[in-house]
Amino acid sequence: MRLLLVILVSLSVAGCSGYEFKNLAKSDVDLVTDEFIDESRRLVRELTVKLYKRNPSQLHKTTGMTIEKRLTLLQNSAGELNFVELAGRQETEALELVFNPDFDGDRISKSFFWDSIM
């Protein structure tokens, strides 16, 4: 009987407060962190789209690439990303290469590759 009562109370609290059932066991800090990560990813995606619209030449450095394909590629890549243009460099070393005037690859996608690591 107690188990049924706990389940009913949990479901009603979840329904009224706007939280999803999976979030009932999370602390406030976890919920805020999740929201921050989601918002950061959304803003990076938005910035990426704006930069590609202002600099379409960067997108065309990869044959057949569209903005949606690039966003999907970056979003679905997990762990370290290994781009041929970066020659195995990661993190700060990769950014230094991207901002080098002699770099001839797609600067936009390589600048935001860290979004998929988060």
Protein backbone atom coordinates (compact mmCIF):
# COMPACT_ATOMS: atom_id res chain seq x y z
CA MET A 1 0.00 0.00 0.00
CA ARG A 2 2.80 2.41 0.86
CA LEU A 3 4.54 1.68 -2.42
CA LEU A 4 1.37 2.53 -4.34
CA LEU A 5 1.02 5.77 -2.38
CA VAL A 6 4.65 6.74 -3.07
CA ILE A 7 4.21 6.04 -6.77
CA LEU A 8 1.00 8.07 -6.97
CA VAL A 9 2.51 11.02 -5.10
CA SER A 10 5.64 10.90 -7.29
CA LEU A 11 3.61 10.86 -10.49
CA SER A 12 1.35 13.70 -9.36
CA VAL A 13 4.31 15.84 -8.33
CA ALA A 14 5.99 15.15 -11.65
CA GLY A 15 2.82 16.05 -13.54
CA CYS A 16 2.15 19.29 -11.69
CA SER A 17 5.63 20.75 -11.49
CA GLY A 18 6.60 20.42 -15.15
CA TYR A 19 9.49 18.08 -14.41
CA GLU A 20 9.95 14.87 -16.32
CA PHE A 21 9.75 11.61 -14.37
CA LYS A 22 13.42 10.85 -15.12
CA ASN A 23 14.40 14.08 -13.31
CA LEU A 24 12.79 13.24 -9.96
CA ALA A 25 16.02 11.82 -8.55
CA LYS A 26 18.16 14.74 -9.74
CA SER A 27 19.20 17.54 -7.44
CA ASP A 28 18.60 21.19 -8.27
CA VAL A 29 22.25 21.54 -9.23
CA ASP A 30 21.93 18.67 -11.72
CA LEU A 31 18.84 20.23 -13.28
CA VAL A 32 20.50 23.64 -13.59
CA THR A 33 23.61 22.03 -15.07
CA ASP A 34 21.52 20.15 -17.66
CA GLU A 35 19.73 23.37 -18.61
CA PHE A 36 23.05 25.21 -18.93
CA ILE A 37 24.51 22.52 -21.18
CA ASP A 38 21.38 22.44 -23.37
CA GLU A 39 21.36 26.23 -23.69
CA SER A 40 25.10 26.33 -24.48
CA ARG A 41 24.68 23.75 -27.22
CA ARG A 42 21.71 25.63 -28.68
CA LEU A 43 23.68 28.88 -28.75
CA VAL A 44 26.71 27.23 -30.37
CA ARG A 45 24.46 25.72 -33.05
CA GLU A 46 22.86 29.13 -33.65
CA LEU A 47 26.25 30.83 -33.90
CA THR A 48 27.52 28.12 -36.26
CA VAL A 49 24.57 28.66 -38.61
CA LYS A 50 25.08 32.44 -38.57
CA LEU A 51 28.80 32.12 -39.30
CA TYR A 52 28.18 29.75 -42.21
CA LYS A 53 25.59 32.15 -43.65
CA ARG A 54 28.07 35.02 -43.42
CA ASN A 55 31.00 32.90 -44.67
CA PRO A 56 29.63 30.34 -47.16
CA SER A 57 33.12 29.83 -48.59
CA GLN A 58 34.06 27.97 -45.39
CA LEU A 59 31.22 25.48 -45.88
CA HIS A 60 32.13 24.84 -49.51
CA LYS A 61 35.66 23.76 -48.59
CA THR A 62 34.13 20.30 -48.04
CA THR A 63 32.44 19.00 -51.18
CA GLY A 64 28.70 18.45 -50.84
CA MET A 65 28.51 19.79 -47.29
CA THR A 66 25.42 21.68 -46.12
CA ILE A 67 24.84 23.51 -42.87
CA GLU A 68 22.48 20.79 -41.63
CA LYS A 69 24.93 18.02 -42.54
CA ARG A 70 27.72 19.83 -40.69
CA LEU A 71 25.57 20.40 -37.59
CA THR A 72 24.52 16.74 -37.58
CA LEU A 73 28.12 15.62 -37.97
CA LEU A 74 29.29 17.79 -35.08
CA GLN A 75 26.36 16.80 -32.85
CA ASN A 76 26.67 13.06 -33.44
CA SER A 77 30.43 12.85 -33.01
CA ALA A 78 31.40 11.56 -29.58
CA GLY A 79 34.79 11.83 -27.89
CA GLU A 80 37.85 13.15 -29.67
CA LEU A 81 37.29 14.35 -33.21
CA ASN A 82 39.99 13.58 -35.69
CA PHE A 83 39.87 15.91 -38.67
CA VAL A 84 42.48 15.38 -41.37
CA GLU A 85 43.02 19.14 -41.60
CA LEU A 86 43.96 19.29 -37.91
CA ALA A 87 46.59 16.55 -38.19
CA GLY A 88 45.56 14.92 -34.92
CA ARG A 89 45.61 18.13 -32.90
CA GLN A 90 43.01 18.57 -30.14
CA GLU A 91 41.78 21.40 -27.93
CA THR A 92 44.10 24.44 -27.74
CA GLU A 93 46.53 23.14 -30.35
CA ALA A 94 43.65 22.68 -32.80
CA LEU A 95 42.35 26.21 -32.19
CA GLU A 96 45.82 27.67 -32.70
CA LEU A 97 46.00 25.91 -36.07
CA VAL A 98 42.50 27.04 -37.09
CA PHE A 99 43.32 30.68 -36.44
CA ASN A 100 46.64 30.48 -38.28
CA PRO A 101 46.39 32.59 -41.47
CA ASP A 102 47.88 29.72 -43.50
CA PHE A 103 45.11 27.25 -42.51
CA ASP A 104 43.01 26.42 -45.57
CA GLY A 105 40.35 24.13 -44.04
CA ASP A 106 36.85 24.90 -42.77
CA ARG A 107 37.53 27.26 -39.88
CA ILE A 108 33.95 27.34 -38.58
CA SER A 109 33.44 23.63 -37.97
CA LYS A 110 36.93 23.23 -36.56
CA SER A 111 36.37 26.16 -34.19
CA PHE A 112 33.22 24.59 -32.75
CA PHE A 113 34.30 20.97 -32.65
CA TRP A 114 34.45 21.13 -28.85
CA ASP A 115 30.65 21.41 -28.71
CA SER A 116 30.35 17.72 -29.55
CA ILE A 117 32.78 16.80 -26.77
CA MET A 118 30.63 18.44 -24.06
